Amino acid sequence: MKRVMAGDLDHDSSPEVVFTTYSTAGDVSHLIILNAGGVPVYKIPIQGRGSMSVPTLPDVDGDGTIEIVISLKDTLGSGLGGVQIWDVLSARAGSLPWPTGRGNLLRNGLGGQ
């Protein structure tokens, strides 16, 4: 079962669905973003075997915009770790109905903001 998260990433009052894929083969996995109707908006390659974890939509750097954070199955090389972060300049805090696995940072299934 694949876990997804939802947030209004393009600030149009309609949430997008975000998830990752994983494969035992290298360099075939993706970060996928669908619009509210299920139509693919982005399919971004993920290095290595991809991610088995649900993405999270935090404001990592406190600038008022949301980032997409994923934990990778593999590291990216010497000292780079296994996390990727994408800035989403059009996304704002307050429009994230399901920003991470199990709904919120408490992971209690109650949804986001």
PDB file of N, CA and C in Angstrom:
ATOM      1  N   MET A   1       0.840  -1.178   0.000  1.00  0.00           N
ATOM      2  CA  MET A   1       0.000   0.000   0.000  1.00  0.00           C
ATOM      3  C   MET A   1       0.884   1.240   0.000  1.00  0.00           C
ATOM      4  N   LYS A   2       0.644   2.150  -0.897  1.00  0.00           N
ATOM      5  CA  LYS A   2       1.416   3.384  -0.991  1.00  0.00           C
ATOM      6  C   LYS A   2       0.716   4.484  -0.229  1.00  0.00           C
ATOM      7  N   ARG A   3       1.452   5.203   0.572  1.00  0.00           N
ATOM      8  CA  ARG A   3       0.882   6.308   1.331  1.00  0.00           C
ATOM      9  C   ARG A   3       1.098   7.597   0.559  1.00  0.00           C
ATOM     10  N   VAL A   4       0.113   8.479   0.619  1.00  0.00           N
ATOM     11  CA  VAL A   4       0.175   9.750  -0.091  1.00  0.00           C
ATOM     12  C   VAL A   4      -0.055  10.887   0.884  1.00  0.00           C
ATOM     13  N   MET A   5       0.237  12.100   0.440  1.00  0.00           N
ATOM     14  CA  MET A   5      -0.101  13.291   1.205  1.00  0.00           C
ATOM     15  C   MET A   5      -0.761  14.267   0.258  1.00  0.00           C
ATOM     16  N   ALA A   6      -1.455  15.246   0.801  1.00  0.00           N
ATOM     17  CA  ALA A   6      -2.179  16.210  -0.022  1.00  0.00           C
ATOM     18  C   ALA A   6      -1.943  17.620   0.481  1.00  0.00           C
ATOM     19  N   GLY A   7      -1.760  18.538  -0.460  1.00  0.00           N
ATOM     20  CA  GLY A   7      -1.589  19.945  -0.129  1.00  0.00           C
ATOM     21  C   GLY A   7      -1.797  20.792  -1.366  1.00  0.00           C
ATOM     22  N   ASP A   8      -2.247  22.006  -1.185  1.00  0.00           N
ATOM     23  CA  ASP A   8      -2.459  22.931  -2.302  1.00  0.00           C
ATOM     24  C   ASP A   8      -1.114  23.531  -2.693  1.00  0.00           C
ATOM     25  N   LEU A   9      -0.432  22.891  -3.614  1.00  0.00           N
ATOM     26  CA  LEU A   9       0.923  23.296  -3.984  1.00  0.00           C
ATOM     27  C   LEU A   9       0.962  24.460  -4.964  1.00  0.00           C
ATOM     28  N   ASP A  10      -0.112  24.680  -5.723  1.00  0.00           N
ATOM     29  CA  ASP A  10      -0.100  25.774  -6.701  1.00  0.00           C
ATOM     30  C   ASP A  10      -1.008  26.928  -6.300  1.00  0.00           C
ATOM     31  N   HIS A  11      -1.493  26.900  -5.069  1.00  0.00           N
ATOM     32  CA  HIS A  11      -2.270  27.994  -4.467  1.00  0.00           C
ATOM     33  C   HIS A  11      -3.538  28.304  -5.266  1.00  0.00           C
ATOM     34  N   ASP A  12      -4.234  27.228  -5.733  1.00  0.00           N
ATOM     35  CA  ASP A  12      -5.471  27.410  -6.491  1.00  0.00           C
ATOM     36  C   ASP A  12      -6.692  26.931  -5.709  1.00  0.00           C
ATOM     37  N   SER A  13      -6.549  26.696  -4.413  1.00  0.00           N
ATOM     38  CA  SER A  13      -7.610  26.228  -3.508  1.00  0.00           C
ATOM     39  C   SER A  13      -8.048  24.794  -3.767  1.00  0.00           C
ATOM     40  N   SER A  14      -7.248  24.032  -4.504  1.00  0.00           N
ATOM     41  CA  SER A  14      -7.541  22.626  -4.768  1.00  0.00           C
ATOM     42  C   SER A  14      -6.268  21.823  -4.492  1.00  0.00           C
ATOM     43  N   PRO A  15      -6.337  20.829  -3.593  1.00  0.00           N
ATOM     44  CA  PRO A  15      -5.106  20.135  -3.205  1.00  0.00           C
ATOM     45  C   PRO A  15      -4.571  19.202  -4.284  1.00  0.00           C
ATOM     46  N   GLU A  16      -3.266  19.103  -4.343  1.00  0.00           N
ATOM     47  CA  GLU A  16      -2.583  18.117  -5.164  1.00  0.00           C
ATOM     48  C   GLU A  16      -2.253  16.913  -4.288  1.00  0.00           C
ATOM     49  N   VAL A  17      -2.092  15.760  -4.920  1.00  0.00           N
ATOM     50  CA  VAL A  17      -1.731  14.526  -4.236  1.00  0.00           C
ATOM     51  C   VAL A  17      -0.277  14.228  -4.577  1.00  0.00           C
ATOM     52  N   VAL A  18       0.537  13.946  -3.562  1.00  0.00           N
ATOM     53  CA  VAL A  18       1.971  13.737  -3.760  1.00  0.00           C
ATOM     54  C   VAL A  18       2.363  12.379  -3.186  1.00  0.00           C
ATOM     55  N   PHE A  19       3.137  11.623  -3.970  1.00  0.00           N
ATOM     56  CA  PHE A  19       3.651  10.348  -3.488  1.00  0.00           C
ATOM     57  C   PHE A  19       4.932  10.003  -4.226  1.00  0.00           C
ATOM     58  N   THR A  20       5.631   9.000  -3.723  1.00  0.00           N
ATOM     59  CA  THR A  20       6.862   8.537  -4.352  1.00  0.00           C
ATOM     60  C   THR A  20       6.701   7.084  -4.773  1.00  0.00           C
ATOM     61  N   THR A  21       7.601   6.654  -5.641  1.00  0.00           N
ATOM     62  CA  THR A  21       7.624   5.252  -6.027  1.00  0.00           C
ATOM     63  C   THR A  21       8.966   4.651  -5.615  1.00  0.00           C
ATOM     64  N   TYR A  22       8.981   3.339  -5.552  1.00  0.00           N
ATOM     65  CA  TYR A  22      10.171   2.586  -5.155  1.00  0.00           C
ATOM     66  C   TYR A  22      10.315   1.398  -6.086  1.00  0.00           C
ATOM     67  N   SER A  23      11.552   1.054  -6.423  1.00  0.00           N
ATOM     68  CA  SER A  23      11.827  -0.117  -7.241  1.00  0.00           C
ATOM     69  C   SER A  23      13.124  -0.756  -6.770  1.00  0.00           C
ATOM     70  N   THR A  24      13.226  -2.056  -6.909  1.00  0.00           N
ATOM     71  CA  THR A  24      14.498  -2.717  -6.595  1.00  0.00           C
ATOM     72  C   THR A  24      15.542  -2.411  -7.656  1.00  0.00           C
ATOM     73  N   ALA A  25      15.106  -1.973  -8.833  1.00  0.00           N
ATOM     74  CA  ALA A  25      16.030  -1.527  -9.879  1.00  0.00           C
ATOM     75  C   ALA A  25      16.382  -0.063  -9.637  1.00  0.00           C
ATOM     76  N   GLY A  26      17.578   0.329 -10.019  1.00  0.00           N
ATOM     77  CA  GLY A  26      18.018   1.699  -9.798  1.00  0.00           C
ATOM     78  C   GLY A  26      17.522   2.665 -10.855  1.00  0.00           C
ATOM     79  N   ASP A  27      17.305   3.910 -10.437  1.00  0.00           N
ATOM     80  CA  ASP A  27      17.012   5.042 -11.308  1.00  0.00           C
ATOM     81  C   ASP A  27      15.759   4.878 -12.170  1.00  0.00           C
ATOM     82  N   VAL A  28      14.715   4.274 -11.618  1.00  0.00           N
ATOM     83  CA  VAL A  28      13.429   4.180 -12.318  1.00  0.00           C
ATOM     84  C   VAL A  28      12.280   4.727 -11.465  1.00  0.00           C
ATOM     85  N   SER A  29      12.574   5.201 -10.263  1.00  0.00           N
ATOM     86  CA  SER A  29      11.538   5.679  -9.342  1.00  0.00           C
ATOM     87  C   SER A  29      11.296   7.172  -9.523  1.00  0.00           C
ATOM     88  N   HIS A  30      10.138   7.642  -9.000  1.00  0.00           N
ATOM     89  CA  HIS A  30       9.741   9.035  -9.213  1.00  0.00           C
ATOM     90  C   HIS A  30       9.030   9.625  -7.995  1.00  0.00           C
ATOM     91  N   LEU A  31       9.083  10.951  -7.913  1.00  0.00           N
ATOM     92  CA  LEU A  31       8.180  11.747  -7.091  1.00  0.00           C
ATOM     93  C   LEU A  31       7.059  12.138  -8.041  1.00  0.00           C
ATOM     94  N   ILE A  32       5.818  11.823  -7.671  1.00  0.00           N
ATOM     95  CA  ILE A  32       4.692  12.064  -8.561  1.00  0.00           C
ATOM     96  C   ILE A  32       3.707  13.006  -7.887  1.00  0.00           C
ATOM     97  N   ILE A  33       3.244  13.991  -8.655  1.00  0.00           N
ATOM     98  CA  ILE A  33       2.244  14.945  -8.179  1.00  0.00           C
ATOM     99  C   ILE A  33       1.060  14.893  -9.137  1.00  0.00           C
ATOM    100  N   LEU A  34      -0.133  14.634  -8.555  1.00  0.00           N
ATOM    101  CA  LEU A  34      -1.375  14.598  -9.323  1.00  0.00           C
ATOM    102  C   LEU A  34      -2.252  15.773  -8.918  1.00  0.00           C
ATOM    103  N   ASN A  35      -3.058  16.289  -9.858  1.00  0.00           N
ATOM    104  CA  ASN A  35      -4.003  17.318  -9.451  1.00  0.00           C
ATOM    105  C   ASN A  35      -5.190  16.646  -8.755  1.00  0.00           C
ATOM    106  N   ALA A  36      -6.142  17.436  -8.293  1.00  0.00           N
ATOM    107  CA  ALA A  36      -7.273  16.891  -7.524  1.00  0.00           C
ATOM    108  C   ALA A  36      -8.107  15.916  -8.334  1.00  0.00           C
ATOM    109  N   GLY A  37      -8.030  15.983  -9.662  1.00  0.00           N
ATOM    110  CA  GLY A  37      -8.760  15.066 -10.514  1.00  0.00           C
ATOM    111  C   GLY A  37      -7.984  13.809 -10.853  1.00  0.00           C
ATOM    112  N   GLY A  38      -6.766  13.664 -10.304  1.00  0.00           N
ATOM    113  CA  GLY A  38      -5.960  12.482 -10.547  1.00  0.00           C
ATOM    114  C   GLY A  38      -5.098  12.553 -11.793  1.00  0.00           C
ATOM    115  N   VAL A  39      -5.043  13.712 -12.427  1.00  0.00           N
ATOM    116  CA  VAL A  39      -4.233  13.893 -13.630  1.00  0.00           C
ATOM    117  C   VAL A  39      -2.793  14.215 -13.225  1.00  0.00           C
ATOM    118  N   PRO A  40      -1.813  13.492 -13.786  1.00  0.00           N
ATOM    119  CA  PRO A  40      -0.407  13.779 -13.450  1.00  0.00           C
ATOM    120  C   PRO A  40      -0.010  15.205 -13.826  1.00  0.00           C
ATOM    121  N   VAL A  41       0.608  15.902 -12.872  1.00  0.00           N
ATOM    122  CA  VAL A  41       1.113  17.252 -13.094  1.00  0.00           C
ATOM    123  C   VAL A  41       2.633  17.218 -13.225  1.00  0.00           C
ATOM    124  N   TYR A  42       3.300  16.452 -12.348  1.00  0.00           N
ATOM    125  CA  TYR A  42       4.757  16.299 -12.381  1.00  0.00           C
ATOM    126  C   TYR A  42       5.126  14.851 -12.125  1.00  0.00           C
ATOM    127  N   LYS A  43       6.186  14.416 -12.785  1.00  0.00           N
ATOM    128  CA  LYS A  43       6.790  13.108 -12.550  1.00  0.00           C
ATOM    129  C   LYS A  43       8.294  13.344 -12.566  1.00  0.00           C
ATOM    130  N   ILE A  44       8.874  13.435 -11.365  1.00  0.00           N
ATOM    131  CA  ILE A  44      10.268  13.844 -11.199  1.00  0.00           C
ATOM    132  C   ILE A  44      11.111  12.626 -10.843  1.00  0.00           C
ATOM    133  N   PRO A  45      12.157  12.329 -11.611  1.00  0.00           N
ATOM    134  CA  PRO A  45      13.004  11.166 -11.309  1.00  0.00           C
ATOM    135  C   PRO A  45      13.648  11.270  -9.928  1.00  0.00           C
ATOM    136  N   ILE A  46      13.730  10.131  -9.247  1.00  0.00           N
ATOM    137  CA  ILE A  46      14.430  10.014  -7.970  1.00  0.00           C
ATOM    138  C   ILE A  46      15.601   9.067  -8.188  1.00  0.00           C
ATOM    139  N   GLN A  47      16.767   9.460  -7.722  1.00  0.00           N
ATOM    140  CA  GLN A  47      17.952   8.625  -7.893  1.00  0.00           C
ATOM    141  C   GLN A  47      17.865   7.342  -7.093  1.00  0.00           C
ATOM    142  N   GLY A  48      18.680   6.377  -7.486  1.00  0.00           N
ATOM    143  CA  GLY A  48      18.750   5.104  -6.773  1.00  0.00           C
ATOM    144  C   GLY A  48      17.454   4.339  -6.884  1.00  0.00           C
ATOM    145  N   ARG A  49      17.045   3.727  -5.757  1.00  0.00           N
ATOM    146  CA  ARG A  49      15.830   2.906  -5.750  1.00  0.00           C
ATOM    147  C   ARG A  49      14.570   3.685  -5.398  1.00  0.00           C
ATOM    148  N   GLY A  50      14.683   4.981  -5.190  1.00  0.00           N
ATOM    149  CA  GLY A  50      13.514   5.803  -4.885  1.00  0.00           C
ATOM    150  C   GLY A  50      13.270   5.916  -3.396  1.00  0.00           C
ATOM    151  N   SER A  51      11.997   5.988  -3.021  1.00  0.00           N
ATOM    152  CA  SER A  51      11.623   6.192  -1.626  1.00  0.00           C
ATOM    153  C   SER A  51      10.466   5.281  -1.250  1.00  0.00           C
ATOM    154  N   MET A  52      10.568   4.677  -0.079  1.00  0.00           N
ATOM    155  CA  MET A  52       9.483   3.856   0.454  1.00  0.00           C
ATOM    156  C   MET A  52       8.633   4.651   1.449  1.00  0.00           C
ATOM    157  N   SER A  53       9.035   5.879   1.745  1.00  0.00           N
ATOM    158  CA  SER A  53       8.358   6.706   2.749  1.00  0.00           C
ATOM    159  C   SER A  53       7.405   7.696   2.094  1.00  0.00           C
ATOM    160  N   VAL A  54       6.393   8.086   2.854  1.00  0.00           N
ATOM    161  CA  VAL A  54       5.485   9.128   2.383  1.00  0.00           C
ATOM    162  C   VAL A  54       6.214  10.472   2.410  1.00  0.00           C
ATOM    163  N   PRO A  55       6.030  11.328   1.396  1.00  0.00           N
ATOM    164  CA  PRO A  55       6.622  12.672   1.448  1.00  0.00           C
ATOM    165  C   PRO A  55       5.995  13.483   2.588  1.00  0.00           C
ATOM    166  N   THR A  56       6.662  14.544   2.960  1.00  0.00           N
ATOM    167  CA  THR A  56       6.155  15.468   3.966  1.00  0.00           C
ATOM    168  C   THR A  56       6.227  16.880   3.401  1.00  0.00           C
ATOM    169  N   LEU A  57       5.248  17.720   3.773  1.00  0.00           N
ATOM    170  CA  LEU A  57       5.186  19.099   3.300  1.00  0.00           C
ATOM    171  C   LEU A  57       5.383  20.076   4.457  1.00  0.00           C
ATOM    172  N   PRO A  58       6.603  20.288   4.901  1.00  0.00           N
ATOM    173  CA  PRO A  58       6.850  21.263   5.960  1.00  0.00           C
ATOM    174  C   PRO A  58       7.340  22.589   5.373  1.00  0.00           C
ATOM    175  N   ASP A  59       7.448  23.588   6.212  1.00  0.00           N
ATOM    176  CA  ASP A  59       8.187  24.807   5.886  1.00  0.00           C
ATOM    177  C   ASP A  59       9.539  24.649   6.568  1.00  0.00           C
ATOM    178  N   VAL A  60      10.456  23.981   5.907  1.00  0.00           N
ATOM    179  CA  VAL A  60      11.744  23.594   6.497  1.00  0.00           C
ATOM    180  C   VAL A  60      12.556  24.792   6.961  1.00  0.00           C
ATOM    181  N   ASP A  61      12.607  25.838   6.158  1.00  0.00           N
ATOM    182  CA  ASP A  61      13.492  26.965   6.455  1.00  0.00           C
ATOM    183  C   ASP A  61      12.778  28.175   7.047  1.00  0.00           C
ATOM    184  N   GLY A  62      11.483  28.042   7.373  1.00  0.00           N
ATOM    185  CA  GLY A  62      10.755  29.111   8.056  1.00  0.00           C
ATOM    186  C   GLY A  62      10.488  30.342   7.213  1.00  0.00           C
ATOM    187  N   ASP A  63      10.472  30.199   5.876  1.00  0.00           N
ATOM    188  CA  ASP A  63      10.267  31.359   5.014  1.00  0.00           C
ATOM    189  C   ASP A  63       8.815  31.550   4.586  1.00  0.00           C
ATOM    190  N   GLY A  64       7.886  30.727   5.116  1.00  0.00           N
ATOM    191  CA  GLY A  64       6.474  30.858   4.784  1.00  0.00           C
ATOM    192  C   GLY A  64       6.044  30.080   3.565  1.00  0.00           C
ATOM    193  N   THR A  65       6.976  29.447   2.860  1.00  0.00           N
ATOM    194  CA  THR A  65       6.619  28.597   1.724  1.00  0.00           C
ATOM    195  C   THR A  65       6.921  27.143   2.077  1.00  0.00           C
ATOM    196  N   ILE A  66       6.238  26.256   1.399  1.00  0.00           N
ATOM    197  CA  ILE A  66       6.307  24.829   1.700  1.00  0.00           C
ATOM    198  C   ILE A  66       7.376  24.158   0.843  1.00  0.00           C
ATOM    199  N   GLU A  67       8.015  23.177   1.415  1.00  0.00           N
ATOM    200  CA  GLU A  67       8.943  22.323   0.679  1.00  0.00           C
ATOM    201  C   GLU A  67       8.393  20.899   0.663  1.00  0.00           C
ATOM    202  N   ILE A  68       8.804  20.121  -0.339  1.00  0.00           N
ATOM    203  CA  ILE A  68       8.521  18.693  -0.363  1.00  0.00           C
ATOM    204  C   ILE A  68       9.780  17.989   0.113  1.00  0.00           C
ATOM    205  N   VAL A  69       9.646  17.151   1.147  1.00  0.00           N
ATOM    206  CA  VAL A  69      10.779  16.421   1.707  1.00  0.00           C
ATOM    207  C   VAL A  69      10.518  14.934   1.548  1.00  0.00           C
ATOM    208  N   ILE A  70      11.513  14.223   0.984  1.00  0.00           N
ATOM    209  CA  ILE A  70      11.391  12.769   0.902  1.00  0.00           C
ATOM    210  C   ILE A  70      12.652  12.119   1.462  1.00  0.00           C
ATOM    211  N   SER A  71      12.454  10.982   2.069  1.00  0.00           N
ATOM    212  CA  SER A  71      13.548  10.165   2.574  1.00  0.00           C
ATOM    213  C   SER A  71      13.816   9.082   1.537  1.00  0.00           C
ATOM    214  N   LEU A  72      15.047   9.032   1.053  1.00  0.00           N
ATOM    215  CA  LEU A  72      15.412   8.086   0.001  1.00  0.00           C
ATOM    216  C   LEU A  72      15.794   6.730   0.572  1.00  0.00           C
ATOM    217  N   LYS A  73      15.624   5.710  -0.217  1.00  0.00           N
ATOM    218  CA  LYS A  73      16.069   4.369   0.155  1.00  0.00           C
ATOM    219  C   LYS A  73      17.599   4.294   0.155  1.00  0.00           C
ATOM    220  N   ASP A  74      18.240   5.060  -0.732  1.00  0.00           N
ATOM    221  CA  ASP A  74      19.701   5.049  -0.864  1.00  0.00           C
ATOM    222  C   ASP A  74      20.267   6.432  -0.574  1.00  0.00           C
ATOM    223  N   THR A  75      21.559   6.492  -0.243  1.00  0.00           N
ATOM    224  CA  THR A  75      22.223   7.778  -0.089  1.00  0.00           C
ATOM    225  C   THR A  75      22.585   8.314  -1.467  1.00  0.00           C
ATOM    226  N   LEU A  76      22.838   9.618  -1.534  1.00  0.00           N
ATOM    227  CA  LEU A  76      23.163  10.260  -2.806  1.00  0.00           C
ATOM    228  C   LEU A  76      24.657  10.344  -3.055  1.00  0.00           C
ATOM    229  N   GLY A  77      25.443   9.791  -2.174  1.00  0.00           N
ATOM    230  CA  GLY A  77      26.885   9.826  -2.362  1.00  0.00           C
ATOM    231  C   GLY A  77      27.585  10.287  -1.112  1.00  0.00           C
ATOM    232  N   SER A  78      28.835  10.521  -1.242  1.00  0.00           N
ATOM    233  CA  SER A  78      29.695  10.871  -0.115  1.00  0.00           C
ATOM    234  C   SER A  78      29.165  12.078   0.657  1.00  0.00           C
ATOM    235  N   GLY A  79      28.658  11.813   1.861  1.00  0.00           N
ATOM    236  CA  GLY A  79      28.231  12.888   2.746  1.00  0.00           C
ATOM    237  C   GLY A  79      26.917  13.543   2.389  1.00  0.00           C
ATOM    238  N   LEU A  80      26.210  13.079   1.353  1.00  0.00           N
ATOM    239  CA  LEU A  80      24.991  13.739   0.928  1.00  0.00           C
ATOM    240  C   LEU A  80      23.736  13.180   1.579  1.00  0.00           C
ATOM    241  N   GLY A  81      23.854  12.066   2.261  1.00  0.00           N
ATOM    242  CA  GLY A  81      22.698  11.509   2.956  1.00  0.00           C
ATOM    243  C   GLY A  81      21.639  10.984   2.016  1.00  0.00           C
ATOM    244  N   GLY A  82      20.483  10.679   2.563  1.00  0.00           N
ATOM    245  CA  GLY A  82      19.412  10.092   1.791  1.00  0.00           C
ATOM    246  C   GLY A  82      18.126  10.869   1.862  1.00  0.00           C
ATOM    247  N   VAL A  83      18.189  12.190   1.829  1.00  0.00           N
ATOM    248  CA  VAL A  83      16.999  13.035   1.868  1.00  0.00           C
ATOM    249  C   VAL A  83      17.068  14.002   0.697  1.00  0.00           C
ATOM    250  N   GLN A  84      15.916  14.247   0.051  1.00  0.00           N
ATOM    251  CA  GLN A  84      15.833  15.283  -0.969  1.00  0.00           C
ATOM    252  C   GLN A  84      14.764  16.270  -0.556  1.00  0.00           C
ATOM    253  N   ILE A  85      15.015  17.551  -0.836  1.00  0.00           N
ATOM    254  CA  ILE A  85      14.091  18.629  -0.502  1.00  0.00           C
ATOM    255  C   ILE A  85      13.904  19.490  -1.738  1.00  0.00           C
ATOM    256  N   TRP A  86      12.630  19.745  -2.079  1.00  0.00           N
ATOM    257  CA  TRP A  86      12.312  20.630  -3.188  1.00  0.00           C
ATOM    258  C   TRP A  86      11.550  21.834  -2.660  1.00  0.00           C
ATOM    259  N   ASP A  87      11.947  23.043  -3.064  1.00  0.00           N
ATOM    260  CA  ASP A  87      11.176  24.244  -2.773  1.00  0.00           C
ATOM    261  C   ASP A  87       9.944  24.261  -3.669  1.00  0.00           C
ATOM    262  N   VAL A  88       8.798  24.625  -3.099  1.00  0.00           N
ATOM    263  CA  VAL A  88       7.570  24.790  -3.868  1.00  0.00           C
ATOM    264  C   VAL A  88       7.118  26.226  -3.619  1.00  0.00           C
ATOM    265  N   LEU A  89       7.605  27.143  -4.437  1.00  0.00           N
ATOM    266  CA  LEU A  89       7.410  28.567  -4.179  1.00  0.00           C
ATOM    267  C   LEU A  89       5.947  28.996  -4.200  1.00  0.00           C
ATOM    268  N   SER A  90       5.085  28.264  -4.887  1.00  0.00           N
ATOM    269  CA  SER A  90       3.674  28.632  -4.957  1.00  0.00           C
ATOM    270  C   SER A  90       2.854  28.095  -3.786  1.00  0.00           C
ATOM    271  N   ALA A  91       3.425  27.216  -2.960  1.00  0.00           N
ATOM    272  CA  ALA A  91       2.687  26.616  -1.842  1.00  0.00           C
ATOM    273  C   ALA A  91       2.869  27.448  -0.575  1.00  0.00           C
ATOM    274  N   ARG A  92       1.793  27.587   0.168  1.00  0.00           N
ATOM    275  CA  ARG A  92       1.813  28.360   1.410  1.00  0.00           C
ATOM    276  C   ARG A  92       1.299  27.515   2.568  1.00  0.00           C
ATOM    277  N   ALA A  93       1.824  27.750   3.744  1.00  0.00           N
ATOM    278  CA  ALA A  93       1.320  27.094   4.951  1.00  0.00           C
ATOM    279  C   ALA A  93      -0.151  27.462   5.119  1.00  0.00           C
ATOM    280  N   GLY A  94      -0.936  26.562   5.673  1.00  0.00           N
ATOM    281  CA  GLY A  94      -2.353  26.805   5.892  1.00  0.00           C
ATOM    282  C   GLY A  94      -3.243  26.164   4.840  1.00  0.00           C
ATOM    283  N   SER A  95      -2.650  25.581   3.814  1.00  0.00           N
ATOM    284  CA  SER A  95      -3.445  24.930   2.766  1.00  0.00           C
ATOM    285  C   SER A  95      -2.978  23.490   2.575  1.00  0.00           C
ATOM    286  N   LEU A  96      -2.804  22.801   3.705  1.00  0.00           N
ATOM    287  CA  LEU A  96      -2.260  21.446   3.697  1.00  0.00           C
ATOM    288  C   LEU A  96      -3.189  20.504   4.453  1.00  0.00           C
ATOM    289  N   PRO A  97      -4.221  19.973   3.790  1.00  0.00           N
ATOM    290  CA  PRO A  97      -5.161  19.111   4.507  1.00  0.00           C
ATOM    291  C   PRO A  97      -4.565  17.792   4.983  1.00  0.00           C
ATOM    292  N   TRP A  98      -3.506  17.301   4.358  1.00  0.00           N
ATOM    293  CA  TRP A  98      -2.896  16.025   4.751  1.00  0.00           C
ATOM    294  C   TRP A  98      -1.405  16.119   4.433  1.00  0.00           C
ATOM    295  N   PRO A  99      -0.609  16.864   5.238  1.00  0.00           N
ATOM    296  CA  PRO A  99       0.766  17.208   4.871  1.00  0.00           C
ATOM    297  C   PRO A  99       1.820  16.126   5.072  1.00  0.00           C
ATOM    298  N   THR A 100       1.463  15.009   5.697  1.00  0.00           N
ATOM    299  CA  THR A 100       2.456  13.951   5.909  1.00  0.00           C
ATOM    300  C   THR A 100       1.744  12.630   6.199  1.00  0.00           C
ATOM    301  N   GLY A 101       2.504  11.579   6.342  1.00  0.00           N
ATOM    302  CA  GLY A 101       1.926  10.275   6.656  1.00  0.00           C
ATOM    303  C   GLY A 101       1.106  10.317   7.932  1.00  0.00           C
ATOM    304  N   ARG A 102      -0.039   9.708   7.904  1.00  0.00           N
ATOM    305  CA  ARG A 102      -0.989   9.667   9.019  1.00  0.00           C
ATOM    306  C   ARG A 102      -1.527  11.047   9.380  1.00  0.00           C
ATOM    307  N   GLY A 103      -1.413  12.004   8.460  1.00  0.00           N
ATOM    308  CA  GLY A 103      -2.138  13.263   8.587  1.00  0.00           C
ATOM    309  C   GLY A 103      -1.408  14.457   9.135  1.00  0.00           C
ATOM    310  N   ASN A 104      -0.563  14.288  10.145  1.00  0.00           N
ATOM    311  CA  ASN A 104       0.123  15.448  10.721  1.00  0.00           C
ATOM    312  C   ASN A 104       1.390  14.980  11.427  1.00  0.00           C
ATOM    313  N   LEU A 105       2.130  15.922  11.978  1.00  0.00           N
ATOM    314  CA  LEU A 105       3.405  15.567  12.609  1.00  0.00           C
ATOM    315  C   LEU A 105       3.233  14.705  13.857  1.00  0.00           C
ATOM    316  N   LEU A 106       2.047  14.707  14.465  1.00  0.00           N
ATOM    317  CA  LEU A 106       1.767  13.808  15.582  1.00  0.00           C
ATOM    318  C   LEU A 106       1.432  12.402  15.086  1.00  0.00           C
ATOM    319  N   ARG A 107       1.154  12.289  13.765  1.00  0.00           N
ATOM    320  CA  ARG A 107       0.854  11.010  13.115  1.00  0.00           C
ATOM    321  C   ARG A 107      -0.355  10.320  13.753  1.00  0.00           C
ATOM    322  N   ASN A 108      -1.376  11.138  14.089  1.00  0.00           N
ATOM    323  CA  ASN A 108      -2.562  10.594  14.752  1.00  0.00           C
ATOM    324  C   ASN A 108      -3.777  10.482  13.823  1.00  0.00           C
ATOM    325  N   GLY A 109      -3.598  10.688  12.521  1.00  0.00           N
ATOM    326  CA  GLY A 109      -4.672  10.513  11.562  1.00  0.00           C
ATOM    327  C   GLY A 109      -5.717  11.603  11.541  1.00  0.00           C
ATOM    328  N   LEU A 110      -5.420  12.768  12.120  1.00  0.00           N
ATOM    329  CA  LEU A 110      -6.415  13.840  12.182  1.00  0.00           C
ATOM    330  C   LEU A 110      -6.278  14.880  11.078  1.00  0.00           C
ATOM    331  N   GLY A 111      -5.352  14.709  10.151  1.00  0.00           N
ATOM    332  CA  GLY A 111      -5.189  15.687   9.072  1.00  0.00           C
ATOM    333  C   GLY A 111      -4.367  16.870   9.520  1.00  0.00           C
ATOM    334  N   GLY A 112      -4.198  17.794   8.595  1.00  0.00           N
ATOM    335  CA  GLY A 112      -3.301  18.936   8.820  1.00  0.00           C
ATOM    336  C   GLY A 112      -4.015  20.163   9.319  1.00  0.00           C
ATOM    337  N   GLN A 113      -3.556  21.282   8.773  1.00  0.00           N
ATOM    338  CA  GLN A 113      -3.995  22.588   9.257  1.00  0.00           C
ATOM    339  C   GLN A 113      -5.400  22.910   8.822  1.00  0.00           C
TER     340      GLN A 113
END
